[in-house]
Amino acid sequence: MLFMKARARTDFVTAVEKTLETLKSGEPFTQNKLAQKTKLNFRTLQKVLIHLGGVQSILQDKIIDISDLDNVKIVRMKERSGLTSFPDNIQKMIIKTLYYPTSSREEEILVHLLLRKAMSKDFAVHIPEDSILKELLEMEYVTKTKASSYYLTSDGMMVAKGAMKLYPELKEVK
């Protein structure tokens, strides 16, 4: 008598996560190939795709807002409005174009320190001092060592990371 090992059932949430993770690459799949790649049963994959299609059409113009109020979670669905009605990359492009078309010298310095991993006294970097660097010291984005080298504070790191998201071209700054 032959016994075939039954495949363990995959719960629906895991099936959705596997499918989304696989589709994230942008590569096109047939349903059969997607079922093979995710190692999901074909019928399970069909249910996942039907569910994702329905959720996507509902969330096209809506956003799910999950907030904590004291010890209670408040969940509601609301209309997307303003910038939130656009995808993230379009939101960033609009903000950048309207308000910040080019990076500032301050942002360039902060990103330079971040890229050089100058985030503690031990990794401080020498930069010629000028009025902009003095401003960054006053704003407490950078700290100066006794040897006149500089490194980022936690606030400076946060600003530098935000600048790199808004201006990916700063990764090329030397």
N, C-alpha and C. Protein backbone atom coordinates (compact mmCIF):
# COMPACT_ATOMS: atom_id res chain seq x y z
N MET A 1 0.84 -1.18 0.00
CA MET A 1 0.00 0.00 0.00
C MET A 1 0.89 1.24 0.00
N LEU A 2 0.66 2.16 -0.93
CA LEU A 2 1.43 3.39 -1.01
C LEU A 2 0.72 4.50 -0.25
N PHE A 3 1.51 5.20 0.54
CA PHE A 3 0.96 6.35 1.24
C PHE A 3 1.64 7.58 0.70
N MET A 4 0.84 8.54 0.29
CA MET A 4 1.40 9.81 -0.18
C MET A 4 1.36 10.79 0.97
N LYS A 5 2.42 11.49 1.10
CA LYS A 5 2.48 12.50 2.16
C LYS A 5 1.61 13.68 1.75
N ALA A 6 0.63 14.00 2.58
CA ALA A 6 -0.27 15.11 2.28
C ALA A 6 0.46 16.43 2.55
N ARG A 7 0.24 17.38 1.66
CA ARG A 7 0.84 18.69 1.83
C ARG A 7 0.13 19.42 2.96
N ALA A 8 0.89 20.07 3.82
CA ALA A 8 0.29 20.81 4.93
C ALA A 8 -0.53 21.97 4.37
N ARG A 9 -1.65 22.23 4.99
CA ARG A 9 -2.52 23.32 4.54
C ARG A 9 -1.88 24.65 4.92
N THR A 10 -2.01 25.60 4.03
CA THR A 10 -1.51 26.95 4.27
C THR A 10 -2.69 27.82 4.65
N ASP A 11 -2.59 28.53 5.78
CA ASP A 11 -3.69 29.40 6.17
C ASP A 11 -3.79 30.57 5.18
N PHE A 12 -4.95 31.20 5.12
CA PHE A 12 -5.23 32.20 4.11
C PHE A 12 -4.31 33.41 4.23
N VAL A 13 -4.05 33.88 5.43
CA VAL A 13 -3.18 35.05 5.63
C VAL A 13 -1.78 34.76 5.09
N THR A 14 -1.25 33.59 5.39
CA THR A 14 0.07 33.21 4.89
C THR A 14 0.05 33.11 3.37
N ALA A 15 -1.02 32.58 2.81
CA ALA A 15 -1.14 32.47 1.36
C ALA A 15 -1.14 33.86 0.71
N VAL A 16 -1.84 34.80 1.31
CA VAL A 16 -1.86 36.17 0.79
C VAL A 16 -0.46 36.77 0.86
N GLU A 17 0.22 36.60 2.01
CA GLU A 17 1.58 37.15 2.17
C GLU A 17 2.55 36.55 1.16
N LYS A 18 2.49 35.22 0.96
CA LYS A 18 3.37 34.58 -0.02
C LYS A 18 3.12 35.11 -1.43
N THR A 19 1.85 35.29 -1.76
CA THR A 19 1.49 35.77 -3.09
C THR A 19 2.00 37.21 -3.29
N LEU A 20 1.75 38.07 -2.32
CA LEU A 20 2.20 39.45 -2.44
C LEU A 20 3.71 39.54 -2.51
N GLU A 21 4.39 38.75 -1.70
CA GLU A 21 5.85 38.75 -1.69
C GLU A 21 6.39 38.34 -3.06
N THR A 22 5.78 37.35 -3.67
CA THR A 22 6.22 36.88 -4.98
C THR A 22 5.92 37.91 -6.06
N LEU A 23 4.75 38.55 -5.99
CA LEU A 23 4.35 39.52 -7.01
C LEU A 23 5.09 40.85 -6.89
N LYS A 24 5.70 41.09 -5.72
CA LYS A 24 6.39 42.35 -5.46
C LYS A 24 7.46 42.66 -6.50
N SER A 25 8.06 41.65 -7.09
CA SER A 25 9.13 41.84 -8.06
C SER A 25 8.64 42.51 -9.33
N GLY A 26 7.34 42.43 -9.61
CA GLY A 26 6.80 43.00 -10.84
C GLY A 26 6.83 42.04 -12.01
N GLU A 27 7.39 40.87 -11.78
CA GLU A 27 7.47 39.85 -12.83
C GLU A 27 6.08 39.29 -13.11
N PRO A 28 5.72 39.12 -14.40
CA PRO A 28 4.41 38.55 -14.70
C PRO A 28 4.42 37.02 -14.55
N PHE A 29 3.32 36.48 -14.06
CA PHE A 29 3.18 35.03 -13.87
C PHE A 29 1.84 34.57 -14.43
N THR A 30 1.79 33.35 -14.92
CA THR A 30 0.50 32.71 -15.16
C THR A 30 0.05 32.20 -13.79
N GLN A 31 -1.23 31.85 -13.66
CA GLN A 31 -1.69 31.33 -12.37
C GLN A 31 -0.95 30.04 -12.01
N ASN A 32 -0.71 29.20 -13.01
CA ASN A 32 0.01 27.95 -12.73
C ASN A 32 1.42 28.22 -12.22
N LYS A 33 2.14 29.12 -12.89
CA LYS A 33 3.52 29.43 -12.48
C LYS A 33 3.54 30.09 -11.10
N LEU A 34 2.55 30.95 -10.85
CA LEU A 34 2.47 31.61 -9.55
C LEU A 34 2.18 30.59 -8.45
N ALA A 35 1.33 29.62 -8.72
CA ALA A 35 1.04 28.56 -7.75
C ALA A 35 2.30 27.75 -7.47
N GLN A 36 3.07 27.46 -8.52
CA GLN A 36 4.33 26.72 -8.33
C GLN A 36 5.33 27.53 -7.53
N LYS A 37 5.47 28.80 -7.89
CA LYS A 37 6.46 29.66 -7.23
C LYS A 37 6.13 29.86 -5.74
N THR A 38 4.86 30.03 -5.42
CA THR A 38 4.45 30.25 -4.03
C THR A 38 4.24 28.95 -3.27
N LYS A 39 4.24 27.82 -4.01
CA LYS A 39 3.98 26.50 -3.43
C LYS A 39 2.60 26.44 -2.79
N LEU A 40 1.64 27.14 -3.46
CA LEU A 40 0.27 27.13 -2.99
C LEU A 40 -0.58 26.25 -3.91
N ASN A 41 -1.62 25.68 -3.34
CA ASN A 41 -2.60 24.93 -4.11
C ASN A 41 -3.25 25.89 -5.10
N PHE A 42 -3.52 25.43 -6.31
CA PHE A 42 -4.09 26.28 -7.35
C PHE A 42 -5.39 26.94 -6.90
N ARG A 43 -6.27 26.17 -6.24
CA ARG A 43 -7.55 26.73 -5.78
C ARG A 43 -7.34 27.78 -4.69
N THR A 44 -6.37 27.54 -3.80
CA THR A 44 -6.06 28.53 -2.76
C THR A 44 -5.58 29.82 -3.42
N LEU A 45 -4.71 29.68 -4.42
CA LEU A 45 -4.19 30.86 -5.12
C LEU A 45 -5.33 31.62 -5.81
N GLN A 46 -6.26 30.90 -6.41
CA GLN A 46 -7.41 31.56 -7.05
C GLN A 46 -8.18 32.39 -6.02
N LYS A 47 -8.42 31.83 -4.84
CA LYS A 47 -9.15 32.55 -3.78
C LYS A 47 -8.37 33.79 -3.36
N VAL A 48 -7.05 33.66 -3.24
CA VAL A 48 -6.20 34.79 -2.85
C VAL A 48 -6.31 35.90 -3.90
N LEU A 49 -6.21 35.55 -5.17
CA LEU A 49 -6.25 36.55 -6.24
C LEU A 49 -7.61 37.24 -6.31
N ILE A 50 -8.69 36.49 -6.12
CA ILE A 50 -10.03 37.09 -6.09
C ILE A 50 -10.12 38.07 -4.93
N HIS A 51 -9.62 37.64 -3.77
CA HIS A 51 -9.65 38.50 -2.58
C HIS A 51 -8.82 39.78 -2.80
N LEU A 52 -7.60 39.63 -3.30
CA LEU A 52 -6.73 40.79 -3.52
C LEU A 52 -7.33 41.76 -4.53
N GLY A 53 -7.94 41.22 -5.58
CA GLY A 53 -8.60 42.09 -6.57
C GLY A 53 -9.73 42.89 -5.94
N GLY A 54 -10.52 42.26 -5.08
CA GLY A 54 -11.61 42.96 -4.40
C GLY A 54 -11.10 44.01 -3.44
N VAL A 55 -10.08 43.67 -2.66
CA VAL A 55 -9.51 44.62 -1.70
C VAL A 55 -8.90 45.81 -2.43
N GLN A 56 -8.19 45.51 -3.52
CA GLN A 56 -7.55 46.59 -4.27
C GLN A 56 -8.58 47.57 -4.82
N SER A 57 -9.69 47.08 -5.34
CA SER A 57 -10.69 47.99 -5.89
C SER A 57 -11.35 48.82 -4.78
N ILE A 58 -11.52 48.26 -3.61
CA ILE A 58 -12.11 49.01 -2.50
C ILE A 58 -11.14 50.08 -1.99
N LEU A 59 -9.87 49.72 -1.87
CA LEU A 59 -8.88 50.64 -1.29
C LEU A 59 -8.31 51.64 -2.30
N GLN A 60 -8.76 51.57 -3.53
CA GLN A 60 -8.27 52.50 -4.55
C GLN A 60 -8.52 53.95 -4.12
N ASP A 61 -9.69 54.23 -3.59
CA ASP A 61 -10.06 55.59 -3.21
C ASP A 61 -10.21 55.76 -1.71
N LYS A 62 -9.85 54.74 -0.95
CA LYS A 62 -10.04 54.77 0.50
C LYS A 62 -8.72 54.44 1.19
N ILE A 63 -8.67 54.75 2.47
CA ILE A 63 -7.51 54.41 3.29
C ILE A 63 -8.03 53.87 4.61
N ILE A 64 -7.36 52.86 5.13
CA ILE A 64 -7.74 52.32 6.43
C ILE A 64 -6.91 53.04 7.48
N ASP A 65 -7.59 53.67 8.42
CA ASP A 65 -6.92 54.43 9.47
C ASP A 65 -7.03 53.63 10.76
N ILE A 66 -5.88 53.28 11.34
CA ILE A 66 -5.84 52.54 12.61
C ILE A 66 -5.15 53.44 13.62
N SER A 67 -5.87 53.84 14.66
CA SER A 67 -5.35 54.77 15.65
C SER A 67 -5.48 54.16 17.04
N ASP A 68 -4.57 54.54 17.91
CA ASP A 68 -4.65 54.15 19.32
C ASP A 68 -5.20 55.32 20.11
N LEU A 69 -6.25 55.08 20.86
CA LEU A 69 -6.85 56.09 21.72
C LEU A 69 -6.92 55.50 23.11
N ASP A 70 -6.08 55.99 24.00
CA ASP A 70 -5.91 55.39 25.32
C ASP A 70 -5.53 53.92 25.12
N ASN A 71 -6.31 53.00 25.62
CA ASN A 71 -6.01 51.57 25.46
C ASN A 71 -6.92 50.90 24.44
N VAL A 72 -7.50 51.71 23.55
CA VAL A 72 -8.45 51.19 22.58
C VAL A 72 -7.95 51.49 21.16
N LYS A 73 -8.06 50.50 20.29
CA LYS A 73 -7.72 50.70 18.88
C LYS A 73 -8.98 51.12 18.14
N ILE A 74 -8.87 52.23 17.43
CA ILE A 74 -9.98 52.72 16.61
C ILE A 74 -9.62 52.43 15.15
N VAL A 75 -10.51 51.74 14.45
CA VAL A 75 -10.28 51.38 13.06
C VAL A 75 -11.42 51.95 12.23
N ARG A 76 -11.05 52.66 11.15
CA ARG A 76 -12.08 53.17 10.26
C ARG A 76 -11.53 53.29 8.84
N MET A 77 -12.44 53.29 7.90
CA MET A 77 -12.07 53.47 6.51
C MET A 77 -12.52 54.86 6.13
N LYS A 78 -11.61 55.63 5.51
CA LYS A 78 -12.00 56.97 5.10
C LYS A 78 -11.51 57.25 3.69
N GLU A 79 -12.08 58.27 3.09
CA GLU A 79 -11.74 58.66 1.73
C GLU A 79 -10.31 59.18 1.68
N ARG A 80 -9.60 58.82 0.63
CA ARG A 80 -8.30 59.43 0.38
C ARG A 80 -8.57 60.85 -0.10
N SER A 81 -7.78 61.78 0.39
CA SER A 81 -7.96 63.15 -0.06
C SER A 81 -6.60 63.83 -0.16
N GLY A 82 -6.55 64.87 -0.92
CA GLY A 82 -5.31 65.62 -1.07
C GLY A 82 -4.19 64.75 -1.61
N LEU A 83 -2.99 64.93 -1.08
CA LEU A 83 -1.83 64.17 -1.54
C LEU A 83 -1.97 62.68 -1.31
N THR A 84 -2.70 62.29 -0.26
CA THR A 84 -2.81 60.86 0.04
C THR A 84 -3.57 60.10 -1.03
N SER A 85 -4.23 60.82 -1.93
CA SER A 85 -4.94 60.13 -3.00
C SER A 85 -3.98 59.66 -4.10
N PHE A 86 -2.71 60.10 -4.02
CA PHE A 86 -1.70 59.69 -4.99
C PHE A 86 -0.78 58.63 -4.39
N PRO A 87 -0.17 57.81 -5.24
CA PRO A 87 0.82 56.84 -4.74
C PRO A 87 2.00 57.56 -4.10
N ASP A 88 2.74 56.87 -3.22
CA ASP A 88 3.86 57.46 -2.48
C ASP A 88 4.87 58.16 -3.38
N ASN A 89 5.27 57.50 -4.47
CA ASN A 89 6.30 58.10 -5.33
C ASN A 89 5.80 59.40 -5.97
N ILE A 90 4.52 59.48 -6.30
CA ILE A 90 3.96 60.71 -6.88
C ILE A 90 3.87 61.79 -5.80
N GLN A 91 3.50 61.40 -4.57
CA GLN A 91 3.45 62.36 -3.46
C GLN A 91 4.81 63.02 -3.27
N LYS A 92 5.87 62.19 -3.23
CA LYS A 92 7.23 62.72 -3.03
C LYS A 92 7.62 63.64 -4.18
N MET A 93 7.27 63.25 -5.41
CA MET A 93 7.62 64.07 -6.57
C MET A 93 6.92 65.43 -6.50
N ILE A 94 5.64 65.44 -6.10
CA ILE A 94 4.90 66.70 -5.99
C ILE A 94 5.51 67.59 -4.92
N ILE A 95 5.78 67.03 -3.75
CA ILE A 95 6.37 67.80 -2.66
C ILE A 95 7.72 68.36 -3.09
N LYS A 96 8.52 67.51 -3.69
CA LYS A 96 9.86 67.94 -4.13
C LYS A 96 9.75 69.06 -5.16
N THR A 97 8.88 68.90 -6.14
CA THR A 97 8.74 69.89 -7.22
C THR A 97 8.21 71.22 -6.70
N LEU A 98 7.18 71.17 -5.86
CA LEU A 98 6.56 72.40 -5.38
C LEU A 98 7.38 73.14 -4.33
N TYR A 99 7.94 72.38 -3.39
CA TYR A 99 8.53 73.03 -2.24
C TYR A 99 10.04 72.93 -2.14
N TYR A 100 10.59 71.82 -2.58
CA TYR A 100 12.02 71.58 -2.41
C TYR A 100 12.65 71.05 -3.70
N PRO A 101 12.72 71.87 -4.76
CA PRO A 101 13.21 71.33 -6.04
C PRO A 101 14.67 70.86 -5.98
N THR A 102 15.48 71.48 -5.16
CA THR A 102 16.87 71.03 -5.02
C THR A 102 17.21 70.91 -3.55
N SER A 103 18.18 70.08 -3.26
CA SER A 103 18.59 69.91 -1.86
C SER A 103 19.37 71.14 -1.41
N SER A 104 19.36 71.36 -0.12
CA SER A 104 20.11 72.49 0.45
C SER A 104 21.53 72.04 0.77
N ARG A 105 22.39 72.99 0.97
CA ARG A 105 23.77 72.67 1.35
C ARG A 105 23.78 71.93 2.70
N GLU A 106 22.87 72.30 3.60
CA GLU A 106 22.77 71.63 4.90
C GLU A 106 22.48 70.15 4.71
N GLU A 107 21.51 69.85 3.83
CA GLU A 107 21.15 68.45 3.58
C GLU A 107 22.32 67.69 2.96
N GLU A 108 23.03 68.36 2.07
CA GLU A 108 24.19 67.72 1.44
C GLU A 108 25.24 67.35 2.49
N ILE A 109 25.50 68.23 3.43
CA ILE A 109 26.48 67.97 4.49
C ILE A 109 26.01 66.82 5.38
N LEU A 110 24.74 66.86 5.78
CA LEU A 110 24.21 65.81 6.65
C LEU A 110 24.26 64.45 5.97
N VAL A 111 23.89 64.38 4.68
CA VAL A 111 23.93 63.12 3.94
C VAL A 111 25.38 62.66 3.78
N HIS A 112 26.29 63.61 3.54
CA HIS A 112 27.71 63.26 3.43
C HIS A 112 28.19 62.57 4.71
N LEU A 113 27.81 63.13 5.86
CA LEU A 113 28.20 62.52 7.13
C LEU A 113 27.55 61.15 7.31
N LEU A 114 26.31 61.02 6.90
CA LEU A 114 25.61 59.74 7.01
C LEU A 114 26.28 58.69 6.13
N LEU A 115 26.59 59.05 4.90
CA LEU A 115 27.22 58.11 3.98
C LEU A 115 28.62 57.72 4.45
N ARG A 116 29.29 58.62 5.15
CA ARG A 116 30.62 58.33 5.68
C ARG A 116 30.54 57.61 7.03
N LYS A 117 29.29 57.34 7.47
CA LYS A 117 29.01 56.63 8.73
C LYS A 117 29.55 57.38 9.96
N ALA A 118 29.53 58.71 9.87
CA ALA A 118 29.97 59.57 10.97
C ALA A 118 28.80 59.77 11.92
N MET A 119 28.56 58.72 12.74
CA MET A 119 27.40 58.76 13.63
C MET A 119 27.79 58.65 15.10
N SER A 120 29.10 58.74 15.36
CA SER A 120 29.57 58.75 16.74
C SER A 120 30.94 59.41 16.76
N LYS A 121 31.39 59.72 17.94
CA LYS A 121 32.67 60.40 18.12
C LYS A 121 33.81 59.59 17.49
N ASP A 122 33.71 58.26 17.58
CA ASP A 122 34.77 57.40 17.05
C ASP A 122 34.87 57.44 15.52
N PHE A 123 33.78 57.81 14.86
CA PHE A 123 33.77 57.82 13.40
C PHE A 123 33.60 59.24 12.84
N ALA A 124 33.90 60.24 13.64
CA ALA A 124 33.77 61.63 13.22
C ALA A 124 34.64 61.91 11.99
N VAL A 125 34.18 62.85 11.17
CA VAL A 125 34.85 63.18 9.91
C VAL A 125 35.27 64.64 9.94
N HIS A 126 36.44 64.92 9.37
CA HIS A 126 36.90 66.30 9.29
C HIS A 126 36.24 66.99 8.10
N ILE A 127 35.60 68.13 8.38
CA ILE A 127 34.99 68.96 7.35
C ILE A 127 35.42 70.39 7.63
N PRO A 128 35.82 71.14 6.61
CA PRO A 128 36.17 72.55 6.85
C PRO A 128 34.98 73.31 7.42
N GLU A 129 35.21 74.03 8.50
CA GLU A 129 34.11 74.73 9.17
C GLU A 129 33.73 75.98 8.38
N ASP A 130 32.42 76.16 8.22
CA ASP A 130 31.90 77.36 7.57
C ASP A 130 30.60 77.75 8.28
N SER A 131 29.93 78.77 7.76
CA SER A 131 28.70 79.26 8.42
C SER A 131 27.60 78.20 8.42
N ILE A 132 27.53 77.39 7.38
CA ILE A 132 26.48 76.36 7.32
C ILE A 132 26.73 75.29 8.38
N LEU A 133 27.98 74.88 8.54
CA LEU A 133 28.31 73.89 9.56
C LEU A 133 28.03 74.44 10.95
N LYS A 134 28.29 75.74 11.16
CA LYS A 134 27.97 76.37 12.45
C LYS A 134 26.47 76.34 12.72
N GLU A 135 25.67 76.57 11.66
CA GLU A 135 24.20 76.49 11.80
C GLU A 135 23.78 75.08 12.21
N LEU A 136 24.38 74.08 11.56
CA LEU A 136 24.04 72.69 11.88
C LEU A 136 24.42 72.36 13.32
N LEU A 137 25.51 72.93 13.81
CA LEU A 137 25.90 72.76 15.21
C LEU A 137 24.87 73.40 16.13
N GLU A 138 24.45 74.61 15.79
CA GLU A 138 23.45 75.32 16.60
C GLU A 138 22.11 74.59 16.63
N MET A 139 21.74 73.99 15.48
CA MET A 139 20.48 73.24 15.42
C MET A 139 20.62 71.86 16.05
N GLU A 140 21.82 71.52 16.50
CA GLU A 140 22.13 70.24 17.13
C GLU A 140 21.90 69.06 16.21
N TYR A 141 22.21 69.25 14.92
CA TYR A 141 22.18 68.15 13.96
C TYR A 141 23.54 67.47 13.88
N VAL A 142 24.58 68.21 14.22
CA VAL A 142 25.93 67.66 14.26
C VAL A 142 26.60 68.05 15.56
N THR A 143 27.61 67.29 15.92
CA THR A 143 28.41 67.56 17.11
C THR A 143 29.87 67.64 16.69
N LYS A 144 30.61 68.52 17.36
CA LYS A 144 32.02 68.73 17.04
C LYS A 144 32.88 68.06 18.11
N THR A 145 33.94 67.39 17.67
CA THR A 145 34.86 66.76 18.61
C THR A 145 35.97 67.74 18.95
N LYS A 146 36.81 67.41 19.92
CA LYS A 146 37.95 68.26 20.29
C LYS A 146 38.94 68.39 19.13
N ALA A 147 38.98 67.38 18.28
CA ALA A 147 39.90 67.38 17.14
C ALA A 147 39.30 68.09 15.92
N SER A 148 38.21 68.84 16.13
CA SER A 148 37.53 69.59 15.06
C SER A 148 36.99 68.69 13.95
N SER A 149 36.53 67.51 14.32
CA SER A 149 35.83 66.62 13.39
C SER A 149 34.36 66.64 13.78
N TYR A 150 33.50 66.17 12.88
CA TYR A 150 32.06 66.27 13.10
C TYR A 150 31.37 64.93 12.89
N TYR A 151 30.26 64.74 13.65
CA TYR A 151 29.43 63.55 13.47
C TYR A 151 27.98 63.93 13.72
N LEU A 152 27.09 63.09 13.22
CA LEU A 152 25.65 63.34 13.30
C LEU A 152 25.08 63.04 14.69
N THR A 153 24.13 63.85 15.10
CA THR A 153 23.33 63.53 16.28
C THR A 153 22.16 62.66 15.81
N SER A 154 21.34 62.17 16.73
CA SER A 154 20.19 61.36 16.30
C SER A 154 19.23 62.19 15.44
N ASP A 155 19.05 63.48 15.78
CA ASP A 155 18.20 64.34 14.94
C ASP A 155 18.82 64.53 13.56
N GLY A 156 20.12 64.71 13.52
CA GLY A 156 20.82 64.87 12.25
C GLY A 156 20.69 63.64 11.37
N MET A 157 20.76 62.44 11.99
CA MET A 157 20.59 61.20 11.24
C MET A 157 19.19 61.12 10.63
N MET A 158 18.19 61.52 11.43
CA MET A 158 16.81 61.47 10.95
C MET A 158 16.63 62.41 9.76
N VAL A 159 17.18 63.62 9.85
CA VAL A 159 17.06 64.59 8.76
C VAL A 159 17.81 64.09 7.52
N ALA A 160 19.00 63.53 7.73
CA ALA A 160 19.80 63.02 6.61
C ALA A 160 19.08 61.88 5.90
N LYS A 161 18.48 60.97 6.65
CA LYS A 161 17.75 59.85 6.04
C LYS A 161 16.54 60.36 5.27
N GLY A 162 15.85 61.35 5.81
CA GLY A 162 14.71 61.95 5.11
C GLY A 162 15.15 62.64 3.83
N ALA A 163 16.29 63.32 3.88
CA ALA A 163 16.82 63.99 2.68
C ALA A 163 17.18 62.98 1.61
N MET A 164 17.73 61.84 2.02
CA MET A 164 18.10 60.81 1.04
C MET A 164 16.86 60.21 0.38
N LYS A 165 15.75 60.12 1.12
CA LYS A 165 14.51 59.62 0.51
C LYS A 165 13.97 60.62 -0.51
N LEU A 166 14.04 61.91 -0.16
CA LEU A 166 13.51 62.95 -1.04
C LEU A 166 14.45 63.21 -2.22
N TYR A 167 15.75 63.10 -1.98
CA TYR A 167 16.76 63.36 -3.02
C TYR A 167 17.70 62.16 -3.13
N PRO A 168 17.26 61.09 -3.78
CA PRO A 168 18.12 59.90 -3.90
C PRO A 168 19.45 60.20 -4.58
N GLU A 169 19.49 61.27 -5.37
CA GLU A 169 20.74 61.63 -6.05
C GLU A 169 21.82 62.05 -5.07
N LEU A 170 21.47 62.35 -3.82
CA LEU A 170 22.48 62.73 -2.82
C LEU A 170 23.38 61.57 -2.44
N LYS A 171 22.99 60.36 -2.77
CA LYS A 171 23.84 59.21 -2.47
C LYS A 171 25.15 59.30 -3.23
N GLU A 172 25.17 60.13 -4.27
CA GLU A 172 26.37 60.31 -5.09
C GLU A 172 27.27 61.44 -4.56
N VAL A 173 26.79 62.18 -3.53
CA VAL A 173 27.56 63.32 -3.01
C VAL A 173 28.82 62.83 -2.32
N LYS A 174 29.92 63.45 -2.63
CA LYS A 174 31.20 63.10 -1.99
C LYS A 174 31.61 64.17 -1.03
